[in-house]
Amino acid sequence: MMATEIKRIGRNGIRFLKADYYDESLYGLRTTVVIKYSLFDLSHIKVYLTNGKFLCIATRMESLNPLANYTDNVKDIEDLKQRIKQQQRLEHQTIKAYLSEFKKENGCLPTFDEPDYEEYQSIKERTQDYPLLEDKKSSKKIFKNNYERYEFLKQKEDLSPEESAWVSEYETTDEYTLIYKND
């Protein structure tokens, strides 16, 4: 008798009992599935779609050393290389299948024309006369604290009414007294 459980396919396959189970047919899927397993043999699980259709038999994957690139252990490095090659092969197969389906539907691959340089120049010439709108928020200077803002405004020659009000307000604070009056 096999037990069943509902699981979700992640980037490393199906996570079950603190182990990852993977098969190539799970590549690219991110859906909920039903798994069937035997507690006497956890080396593989059977994977079914939620509608009951059989998907694959996923085998238990050995966990990789997270520092495989930085260790001198040859086995860890080879395991990592094999997983990367498998991932690249599956990506290549997916792209190849997509392109072949696209060709079947449309008869050819999409082509993109190079931009028309003359049209670009004419648009550029027409828009040169328009002044650029400046974002008022980006022209404001951002300060880490009130002290920096005060120092900046003191060096500025012409202050706006808001800035003058802020300076006079700041000069009444305890921070101003501690920094400038204790000297």
Protein backbone atom coordinates (compact mmCIF):
# COMPACT_ATOMS: atom_id res chain seq x y z
CA MET A 1 0.00 0.00 0.00
CA MET A 2 1.39 3.40 -0.98
CA ALA A 3 0.71 6.57 0.97
CA THR A 4 -0.25 9.76 -0.84
CA GLU A 5 0.49 13.38 -0.15
CA ILE A 6 0.02 16.70 -1.95
CA LYS A 7 3.23 18.62 -2.62
CA ARG A 8 4.38 21.58 -4.69
CA ILE A 9 7.16 21.41 -7.27
CA GLY A 10 9.95 23.85 -6.44
CA ARG A 11 13.16 24.81 -8.19
CA ASN A 12 14.94 21.73 -6.83
CA GLY A 13 12.08 19.35 -7.53
CA ILE A 14 9.80 18.04 -4.81
CA ARG A 15 10.83 18.46 -1.18
CA PHE A 16 9.66 15.47 0.87
CA LEU A 17 10.92 14.24 4.26
CA LYS A 18 13.87 16.67 4.20
CA ALA A 19 15.08 15.34 0.84
CA ASP A 20 14.72 16.52 -2.76
CA TYR A 21 13.19 14.27 -5.41
CA TYR A 22 13.74 15.15 -9.05
CA ASP A 23 13.12 13.96 -12.57
CA GLU A 24 13.73 15.76 -15.85
CA SER A 25 10.00 15.89 -16.58
CA LEU A 26 9.59 18.20 -13.56
CA TYR A 27 11.81 20.85 -15.18
CA GLY A 28 9.97 24.14 -15.58
CA LEU A 29 6.87 23.01 -13.70
CA ARG A 30 5.72 25.00 -10.67
CA THR A 31 2.46 23.36 -9.78
CA THR A 32 0.82 21.26 -7.12
CA VAL A 33 1.10 17.50 -7.56
CA VAL A 34 0.11 14.32 -5.76
CA ILE A 35 2.94 12.04 -4.74
CA LYS A 36 2.69 8.37 -3.85
CA TYR A 37 5.40 6.72 -1.83
CA SER A 38 6.24 3.68 0.19
CA LEU A 39 7.79 4.18 3.61
CA PHE A 40 9.79 0.99 3.01
CA ASP A 41 11.50 2.42 -0.10
CA LEU A 42 12.12 6.17 -0.10
CA SER A 43 14.61 6.09 -2.99
CA HIS A 44 11.86 7.24 -5.36
CA ILE A 45 8.34 8.64 -5.40
CA LYS A 46 5.63 8.51 -8.03
CA VAL A 47 4.34 11.89 -9.14
CA TYR A 48 0.82 12.50 -10.45
CA LEU A 49 -0.89 15.67 -11.59
CA THR A 50 -3.89 16.78 -9.52
CA ASN A 51 -6.22 15.39 -12.20
CA GLY A 52 -4.76 11.91 -11.59
CA LYS A 53 -2.55 11.70 -14.70
CA PHE A 54 0.84 10.02 -14.08
CA LEU A 55 3.75 12.43 -14.55
CA CYS A 56 6.98 10.63 -13.59
CA ILE A 57 8.95 8.69 -11.03
CA ALA A 58 11.19 11.14 -9.21
CA THR A 59 14.35 9.79 -7.64
CA ARG A 60 15.95 11.02 -4.46
CA MET A 61 18.75 13.50 -5.13
CA GLU A 62 21.86 13.62 -3.02
CA SER A 63 22.30 16.99 -1.40
CA LEU A 64 25.21 19.02 -2.71
CA ASN A 65 27.80 20.67 -0.55
CA PRO A 66 26.94 24.39 -0.66
CA LEU A 67 30.65 25.22 -0.71
CA ALA A 68 31.52 22.76 -3.49
CA ASN A 69 33.17 25.49 -5.59
CA TYR A 70 35.47 26.44 -2.72
CA THR A 71 36.53 23.05 -1.40
CA ASP A 72 39.21 20.73 -2.71
CA ASN A 73 36.90 17.71 -2.62
CA VAL A 74 36.87 16.32 -6.18
CA LYS A 75 33.58 14.45 -5.69
CA ASP A 76 31.72 17.62 -4.63
CA ILE A 77 33.10 19.57 -7.58
CA GLU A 78 32.17 16.84 -10.07
CA ASP A 79 28.64 16.53 -8.62
CA LEU A 80 28.17 20.27 -8.99
CA LYS A 81 29.46 20.23 -12.57
CA GLN A 82 27.08 17.40 -13.47
CA ARG A 83 24.08 19.26 -12.02
CA ILE A 84 25.03 22.43 -13.89
CA LYS A 85 25.42 20.50 -17.17
CA GLN A 86 22.04 18.85 -16.63
CA GLN A 87 20.42 22.25 -15.98
CA GLN A 88 22.00 23.74 -19.11
CA ARG A 89 20.93 20.76 -21.22
CA LEU A 90 17.33 21.07 -20.01
CA GLU A 91 17.32 24.82 -20.69
CA HIS A 92 18.64 24.19 -24.20
CA GLN A 93 15.97 21.55 -24.84
CA THR A 94 13.26 23.92 -23.63
CA ILE A 95 14.43 26.74 -25.90
CA LYS A 96 14.71 24.37 -28.84
CA ALA A 97 11.19 23.03 -28.27
CA TYR A 98 9.79 26.55 -27.94
CA LEU A 99 11.42 27.69 -31.17
CA SER A 100 10.17 24.66 -33.08
CA GLU A 101 6.61 25.27 -31.82
CA PHE A 102 6.87 28.93 -32.74
CA LYS A 103 7.99 28.00 -36.26
CA LYS A 104 5.04 25.57 -36.61
CA GLU A 105 2.52 28.23 -35.59
CA ASN A 106 3.87 31.21 -37.50
CA GLY A 107 5.96 29.61 -40.22
CA CYS A 108 9.09 31.56 -39.30
CA LEU A 109 10.92 33.22 -36.47
CA PRO A 110 10.21 36.88 -35.75
CA THR A 111 12.60 39.35 -37.32
CA PHE A 112 13.32 42.77 -36.03
CA ASP A 113 14.18 45.61 -38.39
CA GLU A 114 17.14 47.76 -37.58
CA PRO A 115 16.13 51.21 -36.39
CA ASP A 116 15.80 53.81 -39.10
CA TYR A 117 18.59 56.30 -38.45
CA GLU A 118 17.01 59.08 -40.53
CA GLU A 119 13.70 58.81 -38.66
CA TYR A 120 15.58 58.88 -35.36
CA GLN A 121 17.41 62.06 -36.39
CA SER A 122 14.22 63.81 -37.51
CA ILE A 123 12.51 63.03 -34.20
CA LYS A 124 15.56 64.22 -32.30
CA GLU A 125 15.64 67.51 -34.24
CA ARG A 126 11.92 68.13 -33.65
CA THR A 127 12.21 67.56 -29.91
CA GLN A 128 15.34 69.67 -29.35
CA ASP A 129 13.25 72.85 -29.16
CA TYR A 130 11.25 71.57 -26.21
CA PRO A 131 12.72 72.34 -22.78
CA LEU A 132 13.26 69.39 -20.55
CA LEU A 133 10.99 69.16 -17.55
CA GLU A 134 13.00 68.95 -14.38
CA ASP A 135 11.80 66.88 -11.52
CA LYS A 136 11.71 69.06 -8.45
CA LYS A 137 12.21 66.09 -6.16
CA SER A 138 15.46 65.06 -7.84
CA SER A 139 16.89 68.58 -7.62
CA LYS A 140 16.53 68.63 -3.82
CA LYS A 141 19.56 67.61 -1.86
CA ILE A 142 19.05 64.81 0.64
CA PHE A 143 20.71 65.08 4.03
CA LYS A 144 21.48 62.41 6.59
CA ASN A 145 20.60 64.68 9.50
CA ASN A 146 19.61 68.23 10.42
CA TYR A 147 23.21 69.19 11.14
CA GLU A 148 24.22 68.55 7.51
CA ARG A 149 21.23 70.48 6.23
CA TYR A 150 22.06 73.45 8.47
CA GLU A 151 25.70 73.49 7.32
CA PHE A 152 24.60 73.36 3.68
CA LEU A 153 22.09 76.19 4.07
CA LYS A 154 24.59 78.38 5.95
CA GLN A 155 26.98 78.19 2.98
CA LYS A 156 24.21 79.01 0.52
CA GLU A 157 23.96 82.72 -0.32
CA ASP A 158 20.29 83.18 -1.18
CA LEU A 159 17.79 81.25 0.90
CA SER A 160 14.16 80.72 0.03
CA PRO A 161 11.56 81.73 2.63
CA GLU A 162 11.06 78.06 3.59
CA GLU A 163 14.78 77.53 4.03
CA SER A 164 15.13 80.71 6.12
CA ALA A 165 12.25 79.59 8.33
CA TRP A 166 13.86 76.18 8.76
CA VAL A 167 17.23 77.72 9.72
CA SER A 168 15.67 79.99 12.34
CA GLU A 169 13.63 77.06 13.71
CA TYR A 170 16.74 74.85 13.85
CA GLU A 171 18.69 77.50 15.75
CA THR A 172 16.16 77.21 18.61
CA THR A 173 16.65 73.43 19.01
CA ASP A 174 18.71 71.60 21.62
CA GLU A 175 20.80 70.00 18.90
CA TYR A 176 21.94 73.41 17.66
CA THR A 177 22.75 74.52 21.22
CA LEU A 178 24.80 71.39 21.91
CA ILE A 179 26.78 71.63 18.69
CA TYR A 180 27.37 75.38 18.27
CA LYS A 181 26.96 77.05 21.68
CA ASN A 182 29.32 74.77 23.63
CA ASP A 183 32.38 75.92 21.68
